[in-house]
Amino acid sequence: TIGFWLMIFLLTFVIPYWVGGNILEILKERK
């Protein structure tokens, strides 16, 4: 159960936050 909820948390919050932050940093550097 702990593993299941950890995967749900990572897939729905942590990974999109990380990818979104990287995209914003790339756009900022290009600008």
Full PDB file with SEQRES, HELIX, SHEET, SSBOND, CRYST1, ORIGX, SCALE, CONECT and MASTER records, all heavy atoms in Angstrom:
SEQRES   1 A   31  THR ILE GLY PHE TRP LEU MET ILE PHE LEU LEU THR PHE          
SEQRES   2 A   31  VAL ILE PRO TYR TRP VAL GLY GLY ASN ILE LEU GLU ILE          
SEQRES   3 A   31  LEU LYS GLU ARG LYS                                          
HELIX    1 AA1 ILE A    2  PHE A    9  1                                   8    
HELIX    2 AA2 LEU A   10  VAL A   14  3                                   5    
HELIX    3 AA3 ILE A   15  ARG A   30  1                                  16    
CRYST1    1.000    1.000    1.000  90.00  90.00  90.00 P 1           1          
ORIGX1      1.000000  0.000000  0.000000        0.00000                         
ORIGX2      0.000000  1.000000  0.000000        0.00000                         
ORIGX3      0.000000  0.000000  1.000000        0.00000                         
SCALE1      1.000000  0.000000  0.000000        0.00000                         
SCALE2      0.000000  1.000000  0.000000        0.00000                         
SCALE3      0.000000  0.000000  1.000000        0.00000                         
ATOM      1  N   THR A   1       0.826  -1.212   0.000  1.00  0.00           N  
ATOM      2  CA  THR A   1       0.000   0.000   0.000  1.00  0.00           C  
ATOM      3  C   THR A   1       0.861   1.262   0.000  1.00  0.00           C  
ATOM      4  O   THR A   1       0.576   2.216  -0.727  1.00  0.00           O  
ATOM      5  CB  THR A   1      -0.940  -0.012   1.221  1.00  0.00           C  
ATOM      6  OG1 THR A   1      -1.695  -1.217   1.200  1.00  0.00           O  
ATOM      7  CG2 THR A   1      -1.872   1.173   1.203  1.00  0.00           C  
ATOM      8  N   ILE A   2       1.914   1.260   0.813  1.00  0.00           N  
ATOM      9  CA  ILE A   2       2.813   2.415   0.843  1.00  0.00           C  
ATOM     10  C   ILE A   2       3.457   2.616  -0.528  1.00  0.00           C  
ATOM     11  O   ILE A   2       3.543   3.740  -1.030  1.00  0.00           O  
ATOM     12  CB  ILE A   2       3.881   2.242   1.943  1.00  0.00           C  
ATOM     13  CG1 ILE A   2       3.245   2.367   3.315  1.00  0.00           C  
ATOM     14  CG2 ILE A   2       5.009   3.256   1.781  1.00  0.00           C  
ATOM     15  CD1 ILE A   2       4.157   1.969   4.458  1.00  0.00           C  
ATOM     16  N   GLY A   3       3.901   1.545  -1.149  1.00  0.00           N  
ATOM     17  CA  GLY A   3       4.500   1.640  -2.484  1.00  0.00           C  
ATOM     18  C   GLY A   3       3.510   2.153  -3.517  1.00  0.00           C  
ATOM     19  O   GLY A   3       3.848   2.970  -4.372  1.00  0.00           O  
ATOM     20  N   PHE A   4       2.269   1.696  -3.432  1.00  0.00           N  
ATOM     21  CA  PHE A   4       1.240   2.141  -4.369  1.00  0.00           C  
ATOM     22  C   PHE A   4       1.016   3.639  -4.248  1.00  0.00           C  
ATOM     23  O   PHE A   4       1.021   4.366  -5.248  1.00  0.00           O  
ATOM     24  CB  PHE A   4      -0.069   1.378  -4.098  1.00  0.00           C  
ATOM     25  CG  PHE A   4      -1.233   1.886  -4.879  1.00  0.00           C  
ATOM     26  CD1 PHE A   4      -1.353   1.594  -6.223  1.00  0.00           C  
ATOM     27  CD2 PHE A   4      -2.195   2.668  -4.260  1.00  0.00           C  
ATOM     28  CE1 PHE A   4      -2.438   2.068  -6.954  1.00  0.00           C  
ATOM     29  CE2 PHE A   4      -3.278   3.144  -4.970  1.00  0.00           C  
ATOM     30  CZ  PHE A   4      -3.397   2.851  -6.318  1.00  0.00           C  
ATOM     31  N   TRP A   5       0.817   4.120  -3.022  1.00  0.00           N  
ATOM     32  CA  TRP A   5       0.552   5.552  -2.859  1.00  0.00           C  
ATOM     33  C   TRP A   5       1.786   6.391  -3.166  1.00  0.00           C  
ATOM     34  O   TRP A   5       1.659   7.530  -3.647  1.00  0.00           O  
ATOM     35  CB  TRP A   5       0.029   5.831  -1.452  1.00  0.00           C  
ATOM     36  CG  TRP A   5      -1.376   5.363  -1.312  1.00  0.00           C  
ATOM     37  CD1 TRP A   5      -1.822   4.348  -0.523  1.00  0.00           C  
ATOM     38  CD2 TRP A   5      -2.526   5.841  -2.030  1.00  0.00           C  
ATOM     39  NE1 TRP A   5      -3.173   4.183  -0.701  1.00  0.00           N  
ATOM     40  CE2 TRP A   5      -3.632   5.082  -1.612  1.00  0.00           C  
ATOM     41  CE3 TRP A   5      -2.716   6.841  -2.987  1.00  0.00           C  
ATOM     42  CZ2 TRP A   5      -4.909   5.296  -2.108  1.00  0.00           C  
ATOM     43  CZ3 TRP A   5      -3.995   7.048  -3.489  1.00  0.00           C  
ATOM     44  CH2 TRP A   5      -5.068   6.284  -3.051  1.00  0.00           C  
ATOM     45  N   LEU A   6       2.982   5.867  -2.926  1.00  0.00           N  
ATOM     46  CA  LEU A   6       4.195   6.590  -3.294  1.00  0.00           C  
ATOM     47  C   LEU A   6       4.283   6.750  -4.807  1.00  0.00           C  
ATOM     48  O   LEU A   6       4.611   7.828  -5.309  1.00  0.00           O  
ATOM     49  CB  LEU A   6       5.429   5.862  -2.761  1.00  0.00           C  
ATOM     50  CG  LEU A   6       6.783   6.488  -3.105  1.00  0.00           C  
ATOM     51  CD1 LEU A   6       6.891   7.870  -2.491  1.00  0.00           C  
ATOM     52  CD2 LEU A   6       7.904   5.600  -2.617  1.00  0.00           C  
ATOM     53  N   MET A   7       3.969   5.687  -5.554  1.00  0.00           N  
ATOM     54  CA  MET A   7       3.973   5.779  -7.019  1.00  0.00           C  
ATOM     55  C   MET A   7       2.927   6.767  -7.512  1.00  0.00           C  
ATOM     56  O   MET A   7       3.191   7.561  -8.424  1.00  0.00           O  
ATOM     57  CB  MET A   7       3.737   4.405  -7.641  1.00  0.00           C  
ATOM     58  CG  MET A   7       4.931   3.496  -7.557  1.00  0.00           C  
ATOM     59  SD  MET A   7       6.382   4.166  -8.387  1.00  0.00           S  
ATOM     60  CE  MET A   7       5.813   4.172 -10.067  1.00  0.00           C  
ATOM     61  N   ILE A   8       1.739   6.748  -6.926  1.00  0.00           N  
ATOM     62  CA  ILE A   8       0.696   7.703  -7.314  1.00  0.00           C  
ATOM     63  C   ILE A   8       1.184   9.124  -7.047  1.00  0.00           C  
ATOM     64  O   ILE A   8       1.027  10.020  -7.888  1.00  0.00           O  
ATOM     65  CB  ILE A   8      -0.618   7.420  -6.539  1.00  0.00           C  
ATOM     66  CG1 ILE A   8      -1.191   6.072  -6.937  1.00  0.00           C  
ATOM     67  CG2 ILE A   8      -1.634   8.531  -6.754  1.00  0.00           C  
ATOM     68  CD1 ILE A   8      -1.611   5.961  -8.387  1.00  0.00           C  
ATOM     69  N   PHE A   9       1.767   9.370  -5.883  1.00  0.00           N  
ATOM     70  CA  PHE A   9       2.281  10.700  -5.536  1.00  0.00           C  
ATOM     71  C   PHE A   9       3.366  11.143  -6.510  1.00  0.00           C  
ATOM     72  O   PHE A   9       3.356  12.285  -6.991  1.00  0.00           O  
ATOM     73  CB  PHE A   9       2.822  10.681  -4.102  1.00  0.00           C  
ATOM     74  CG  PHE A   9       3.499  11.949  -3.682  1.00  0.00           C  
ATOM     75  CD1 PHE A   9       2.767  13.102  -3.472  1.00  0.00           C  
ATOM     76  CD2 PHE A   9       4.871  11.986  -3.498  1.00  0.00           C  
ATOM     77  CE1 PHE A   9       3.391  14.276  -3.088  1.00  0.00           C  
ATOM     78  CE2 PHE A   9       5.503  13.146  -3.116  1.00  0.00           C  
ATOM     79  CZ  PHE A   9       4.758  14.297  -2.902  1.00  0.00           C  
ATOM     80  N   LEU A  10       4.311  10.251  -6.826  1.00  0.00           N  
ATOM     81  CA  LEU A  10       5.393  10.608  -7.728  1.00  0.00           C  
ATOM     82  C   LEU A  10       4.878  10.905  -9.133  1.00  0.00           C  
ATOM     83  O   LEU A  10       5.309  11.864  -9.770  1.00  0.00           O  
ATOM     84  CB  LEU A  10       6.436   9.487  -7.777  1.00  0.00           C  
ATOM     85  CG  LEU A  10       7.292   9.312  -6.529  1.00  0.00           C  
ATOM     86  CD1 LEU A  10       8.149   8.062  -6.667  1.00  0.00           C  
ATOM     87  CD2 LEU A  10       8.140  10.520  -6.281  1.00  0.00           C  
ATOM     88  N   LEU A  11       3.964  10.078  -9.621  1.00  0.00           N  
ATOM     89  CA  LEU A  11       3.484  10.240 -10.994  1.00  0.00           C  
ATOM     90  C   LEU A  11       2.562  11.440 -11.162  1.00  0.00           C  
ATOM     91  O   LEU A  11       2.485  12.003 -12.250  1.00  0.00           O  
ATOM     92  CB  LEU A  11       2.772   8.965 -11.453  1.00  0.00           C  
ATOM     93  CG  LEU A  11       3.684   7.759 -11.659  1.00  0.00           C  
ATOM     94  CD1 LEU A  11       2.850   6.522 -11.947  1.00  0.00           C  
ATOM     95  CD2 LEU A  11       4.665   8.008 -12.798  1.00  0.00           C  
ATOM     96  N   THR A  12       1.854  11.838 -10.118  1.00  0.00           N  
ATOM     97  CA  THR A  12       0.892  12.929 -10.264  1.00  0.00           C  
ATOM     98  C   THR A  12       1.406  14.275  -9.780  1.00  0.00           C  
ATOM     99  O   THR A  12       0.859  15.307 -10.159  1.00  0.00           O  
ATOM    100  CB  THR A  12      -0.412  12.618  -9.511  1.00  0.00           C  
ATOM    101  OG1 THR A  12      -0.118  12.421  -8.133  1.00  0.00           O  
ATOM    102  CG2 THR A  12      -1.092  11.393 -10.087  1.00  0.00           C  
ATOM    103  N   PHE A  13       2.439  14.303  -8.953  1.00  0.00           N  
ATOM    104  CA  PHE A  13       2.907  15.583  -8.422  1.00  0.00           C  
ATOM    105  C   PHE A  13       4.392  15.831  -8.668  1.00  0.00           C  
ATOM    106  O   PHE A  13       4.756  16.840  -9.271  1.00  0.00           O  
ATOM    107  CB  PHE A  13       2.620  15.664  -6.911  1.00  0.00           C  
ATOM    108  CG  PHE A  13       3.088  16.944  -6.290  1.00  0.00           C  
ATOM    109  CD1 PHE A  13       2.424  18.125  -6.529  1.00  0.00           C  
ATOM    110  CD2 PHE A  13       4.212  16.962  -5.490  1.00  0.00           C  
ATOM    111  CE1 PHE A  13       2.873  19.318  -5.970  1.00  0.00           C  
ATOM    112  CE2 PHE A  13       4.673  18.138  -4.937  1.00  0.00           C  
ATOM    113  CZ  PHE A  13       3.991  19.321  -5.168  1.00  0.00           C  
ATOM    114  N   VAL A  14       5.237  14.943  -8.234  1.00  0.00           N  
ATOM    115  CA  VAL A  14       6.679  15.207  -8.240  1.00  0.00           C  
ATOM    116  C   VAL A  14       7.235  15.275  -9.657  1.00  0.00           C  
ATOM    117  O   VAL A  14       7.934  16.223 -10.006  1.00  0.00           O  
ATOM    118  CB  VAL A  14       7.426  14.150  -7.398  1.00  0.00           C  
ATOM    119  CG1 VAL A  14       8.920  14.321  -7.514  1.00  0.00           C  
ATOM    120  CG2 VAL A  14       6.982  14.238  -5.946  1.00  0.00           C  
ATOM    121  N   ILE A  15       6.924  14.284 -10.482  1.00  0.00           N  
ATOM    122  CA  ILE A  15       7.487  14.252 -11.839  1.00  0.00           C  
ATOM    123  C   ILE A  15       6.972  15.416 -12.698  1.00  0.00           C  
ATOM    124  O   ILE A  15       7.772  16.096 -13.347  1.00  0.00           O  
ATOM    125  CB  ILE A  15       7.261  12.874 -12.484  1.00  0.00           C  
ATOM    126  CG1 ILE A  15       8.105  11.833 -11.741  1.00  0.00           C  
ATOM    127  CG2 ILE A  15       7.604  12.899 -13.967  1.00  0.00           C  
ATOM    128  CD1 ILE A  15       7.907  10.407 -12.180  1.00  0.00           C  
ATOM    129  N   PRO A  16       5.660  15.711 -12.721  1.00  0.00           N  
ATOM    130  CA  PRO A  16       5.216  16.880 -13.489  1.00  0.00           C  
ATOM    131  C   PRO A  16       5.828  18.193 -12.973  1.00  0.00           C  
ATOM    132  O   PRO A  16       6.148  19.080 -13.773  1.00  0.00           O  
ATOM    133  CB  PRO A  16       3.696  16.885 -13.320  1.00  0.00           C  
ATOM    134  CG  PRO A  16       3.351  15.475 -13.051  1.00  0.00           C  
ATOM    135  CD  PRO A  16       4.496  14.930 -12.256  1.00  0.00           C  
ATOM    136  N   TYR A  17       5.985  18.331 -11.656  1.00  0.00           N  
ATOM    137  CA  TYR A  17       6.597  19.532 -11.088  1.00  0.00           C  
ATOM    138  C   TYR A  17       8.044  19.669 -11.561  1.00  0.00           C  
ATOM    139  O   TYR A  17       8.485  20.759 -11.944  1.00  0.00           O  
ATOM    140  CB  TYR A  17       6.530  19.442  -9.563  1.00  0.00           C  
ATOM    141  CG  TYR A  17       7.091  20.625  -8.841  1.00  0.00           C  
ATOM    142  CD1 TYR A  17       6.347  21.787  -8.704  1.00  0.00           C  
ATOM    143  CD2 TYR A  17       8.364  20.582  -8.289  1.00  0.00           C  
ATOM    144  CE1 TYR A  17       6.859  22.886  -8.039  1.00  0.00           C  
ATOM    145  CE2 TYR A  17       8.888  21.664  -7.620  1.00  0.00           C  
ATOM    146  CZ  TYR A  17       8.129  22.825  -7.489  1.00  0.00           C  
ATOM    147  OH  TYR A  17       8.654  23.894  -6.845  1.00  0.00           O  
ATOM    148  N   TRP A  18       8.779  18.557 -11.563  1.00  0.00           N  
ATOM    149  CA  TRP A  18      10.170  18.544 -11.980  1.00  0.00           C  
ATOM    150  C   TRP A  18      10.290  18.883 -13.473  1.00  0.00           C  
ATOM    151  O   TRP A  18      11.107  19.714 -13.872  1.00  0.00           O  
ATOM    152  CB  TRP A  18      10.753  17.166 -11.665  1.00  0.00           C  
ATOM    153  CG  TRP A  18      12.132  16.926 -12.139  1.00  0.00           C  
ATOM    154  CD1 TRP A  18      13.255  17.597 -11.761  1.00  0.00           C  
ATOM    155  CD2 TRP A  18      12.548  15.939 -13.085  1.00  0.00           C  
ATOM    156  NE1 TRP A  18      14.341  17.070 -12.415  1.00  0.00           N  
ATOM    157  CE2 TRP A  18      13.937  16.064 -13.235  1.00  0.00           C  
ATOM    158  CE3 TRP A  18      11.873  14.965 -13.802  1.00  0.00           C  
ATOM    159  CZ2 TRP A  18      14.649  15.246 -14.088  1.00  0.00           C  
ATOM    160  CZ3 TRP A  18      12.593  14.161 -14.633  1.00  0.00           C  
ATOM    161  CH2 TRP A  18      13.957  14.303 -14.775  1.00  0.00           C  
ATOM    162  N   VAL A  19       9.463  18.247 -14.307  1.00  0.00           N  
ATOM    163  CA  VAL A  19       9.505  18.488 -15.749  1.00  0.00           C  
ATOM    164  C   VAL A  19       9.093  19.925 -16.053  1.00  0.00           C  
ATOM    165  O   VAL A  19       9.737  20.611 -16.855  1.00  0.00           O  
ATOM    166  CB  VAL A  19       8.613  17.466 -16.496  1.00  0.00           C  
ATOM    167  CG1 VAL A  19       8.470  17.836 -17.958  1.00  0.00           C  
ATOM    168  CG2 VAL A  19       9.193  16.068 -16.366  1.00  0.00           C  
ATOM    169  N   GLY A  20       8.043  20.398 -15.415  1.00  0.00           N  
ATOM    170  CA  GLY A  20       7.589  21.780 -15.631  1.00  0.00           C  
ATOM    171  C   GLY A  20       8.645  22.793 -15.235  1.00  0.00           C  
ATOM    172  O   GLY A  20       8.867  23.794 -15.931  1.00  0.00           O  
ATOM    173  N   GLY A  21       9.310  22.556 -14.106  1.00  0.00           N  
ATOM    174  CA  GLY A  21      10.377  23.463 -13.667  1.00  0.00           C  
ATOM    175  C   GLY A  21      11.539  23.482 -14.643  1.00  0.00           C  
ATOM    176  O   GLY A  21      12.109  24.546 -14.925  1.00  0.00           O  
ATOM    177  N   ASN A  22      11.899  22.326 -15.186  1.00  0.00           N  
ATOM    178  CA  ASN A  22      12.978  22.273 -16.172  1.00  0.00           C  
ATOM    179  C   ASN A  22      12.611  23.014 -17.452  1.00  0.00           C  
ATOM    180  O   ASN A  22      13.446  23.711 -18.029  1.00  0.00           O  
ATOM    181  CB  ASN A  22      13.332  20.825 -16.501  1.00  0.00           C  
ATOM    182  CG  ASN A  22      14.217  20.209 -15.439  1.00  0.00           C  
ATOM    183  OD1 ASN A  22      14.914  20.914 -14.716  1.00  0.00           O  
ATOM    184  ND2 ASN A  22      14.186  18.905 -15.344  1.00  0.00           N  
ATOM    185  N   ILE A  23      11.369  22.860 -17.896  1.00  0.00           N  
ATOM    186  CA  ILE A  23      10.919  23.569 -19.104  1.00  0.00           C  
ATOM    187  C   ILE A  23      10.978  25.078 -18.877  1.00  0.00           C  
ATOM    188  O   ILE A  23      11.448  25.829 -19.749  1.00  0.00           O  
ATOM    189  CB  ILE A  23       9.514  23.099 -19.504  1.00  0.00           C  
ATOM    190  CG1 ILE A  23       9.575  21.668 -20.028  1.00  0.00           C  
ATOM    191  CG2 ILE A  23       8.903  24.023 -20.548  1.00  0.00           C  
ATOM    192  CD1 ILE A  23       8.226  21.028 -20.265  1.00  0.00           C  
ATOM    193  N   LEU A  24      10.512  25.546 -17.707  1.00  0.00           N  
ATOM    194  CA  LEU A  24      10.570  26.984 -17.411  1.00  0.00           C  
ATOM    195  C   LEU A  24      12.008  27.486 -17.369  1.00  0.00           C  
ATOM    196  O   LEU A  24      12.298  28.587 -17.858  1.00  0.00           O  
ATOM    197  CB  LEU A  24       9.865  27.277 -16.087  1.00  0.00           C  
ATOM    198  CG  LEU A  24       8.348  27.156 -16.103  1.00  0.00           C  
ATOM    199  CD1 LEU A  24       7.784  27.372 -14.703  1.00  0.00           C  
ATOM    200  CD2 LEU A  24       7.738  28.139 -17.079  1.00  0.00           C  
ATOM    201  N   GLU A  25      12.921  26.695 -16.805  1.00  0.00           N  
ATOM    202  CA  GLU A  25      14.329  27.101 -16.767  1.00  0.00           C  
ATOM    203  C   GLU A  25      14.922  27.179 -18.171  1.00  0.00           C  
ATOM    204  O   GLU A  25      15.671  28.109 -18.487  1.00  0.00           O  
ATOM    205  CB  GLU A  25      15.145  26.121 -15.917  1.00  0.00           C  
ATOM    206  CG  GLU A  25      14.946  26.304 -14.436  1.00  0.00           C  
ATOM    207  CD  GLU A  25      15.490  27.629 -13.928  1.00  0.00           C  
ATOM    208  OE1 GLU A  25      16.577  28.042 -14.373  1.00  0.00           O  
ATOM    209  OE2 GLU A  25      14.813  28.249 -13.093  1.00  0.00           O  
ATOM    210  N   ILE A  26      14.593  26.227 -19.028  1.00  0.00           N  
ATOM    211  CA  ILE A  26      15.094  26.242 -20.410  1.00  0.00           C  
ATOM    212  C   ILE A  26      14.574  27.475 -21.137  1.00  0.00           C  
ATOM    213  O   ILE A  26      15.336  28.169 -21.841  1.00  0.00           O  
ATOM    214  CB  ILE A  26      14.701  24.941 -21.141  1.00  0.00           C  
ATOM    215  CG1 ILE A  26      15.500  23.767 -20.592  1.00  0.00           C  
ATOM    216  CG2 ILE A  26      14.902  25.069 -22.645  1.00  0.00           C  
ATOM    217  CD1 ILE A  26      15.001  22.400 -21.050  1.00  0.00           C  
ATOM    218  N   LEU A  27      13.290  27.781 -20.975  1.00  0.00           N  
ATOM    219  CA  LEU A  27      12.717  28.964 -21.627  1.00  0.00           C  
ATOM    220  C   LEU A  27      13.354  30.248 -21.107  1.00  0.00           C  
ATOM    221  O   LEU A  27      13.621  31.172 -21.876  1.00  0.00           O  
ATOM    222  CB  LEU A  27      11.198  28.992 -21.423  1.00  0.00           C  
ATOM    223  CG  LEU A  27      10.407  27.895 -22.127  1.00  0.00           C  
ATOM    224  CD1 LEU A  27       8.940  27.968 -21.730  1.00  0.00           C  
ATOM    225  CD2 LEU A  27      10.568  27.988 -23.627  1.00  0.00           C  
ATOM    226  N   LYS A  28      13.612  30.304 -19.797  1.00  0.00           N  
ATOM    227  CA  LYS A  28      14.239  31.484 -19.206  1.00  0.00           C  
ATOM    228  C   LYS A  28      15.656  31.669 -19.756  1.00  0.00           C  
ATOM    229  O   LYS A  28      16.066  32.787 -20.088  1.00  0.00           O  
ATOM    230  CB  LYS A  28      14.284  31.351 -17.689  1.00  0.00           C  
ATOM    231  CG  LYS A  28      14.721  32.622 -16.981  1.00  0.00           C  
ATOM    232  CD  LYS A  28      14.953  32.408 -15.492  1.00  0.00           C  
ATOM    233  CE  LYS A  28      13.733  31.943 -14.780  1.00  0.00           C  
ATOM    234  NZ  LYS A  28      13.950  31.806 -13.321  1.00  0.00           N  
ATOM    235  N   GLU A  29      16.415  30.564 -19.870  1.00  0.00           N  
ATOM    236  CA  GLU A  29      17.775  30.654 -20.412  1.00  0.00           C  
ATOM    237  C   GLU A  29      17.757  31.107 -21.864  1.00  0.00           C  
ATOM    238  O   GLU A  29      18.591  31.915 -22.283  1.00  0.00           O  
ATOM    239  CB  GLU A  29      18.475  29.302 -20.289  1.00  0.00           C  
ATOM    240  CG  GLU A  29      18.843  28.946 -18.863  1.00  0.00           C  
ATOM    241  CD  GLU A  29      19.405  27.550 -18.751  1.00  0.00           C  
ATOM    242  OE1 GLU A  29      19.608  26.887 -19.798  1.00  0.00           O  
ATOM    243  OE2 GLU A  29      19.650  27.106 -17.620  1.00  0.00           O  
ATOM    244  N   ARG A  30      16.821  30.595 -22.661  1.00  0.00           N  
ATOM    245  CA  ARG A  30      16.724  31.010 -24.059  1.00  0.00           C  
ATOM    246  C   ARG A  30      16.384  32.487 -24.169  1.00  0.00           C  
ATOM    247  O   ARG A  30      16.927  33.210 -25.014  1.00  0.00           O  
ATOM    248  CB  ARG A  30      15.669  30.189 -24.796  1.00  0.00           C  
ATOM    249  CG  ARG A  30      16.098  28.789 -25.101  1.00  0.00           C  
ATOM    250  CD  ARG A  30      15.048  28.080 -25.919  1.00  0.00           C  
ATOM    251  NE  ARG A  30      15.417  26.691 -26.168  1.00  0.00           N  
ATOM    252  CZ  ARG A  30      14.656  25.812 -26.763  1.00  0.00           C  
ATOM    253  NH1 ARG A  30      13.447  26.165 -27.176  1.00  0.00           N  
ATOM    254  NH2 ARG A  30      15.065  24.584 -26.949  1.00  0.00           N  
ATOM    255  N   LYS A  31      15.471  32.958 -23.318  1.00  0.00           N  
ATOM    256  CA  LYS A  31      15.090  34.373 -23.331  1.00  0.00           C  
ATOM    257  C   LYS A  31      16.276  35.258 -22.963  1.00  0.00           C  
ATOM    258  O   LYS A  31      16.509  36.289 -23.603  1.00  0.00           O  
ATOM    259  CB  LYS A  31      13.931  34.584 -22.352  1.00  0.00           C  
ATOM    260  CG  LYS A  31      13.357  35.967 -22.358  1.00  0.00           C  
ATOM    261  CD  LYS A  31      12.168  36.064 -21.398  1.00  0.00           C  
ATOM    262  CE  LYS A  31      11.593  37.453 -21.382  1.00  0.00           C  
ATOM    263  NZ  LYS A  31      10.483  37.569 -20.413  1.00  0.00           N  
TER     264      LYS A  31                                                      
MASTER        0    0    0    3    0    0    0    6  263    1    0    3          
END                                                                             
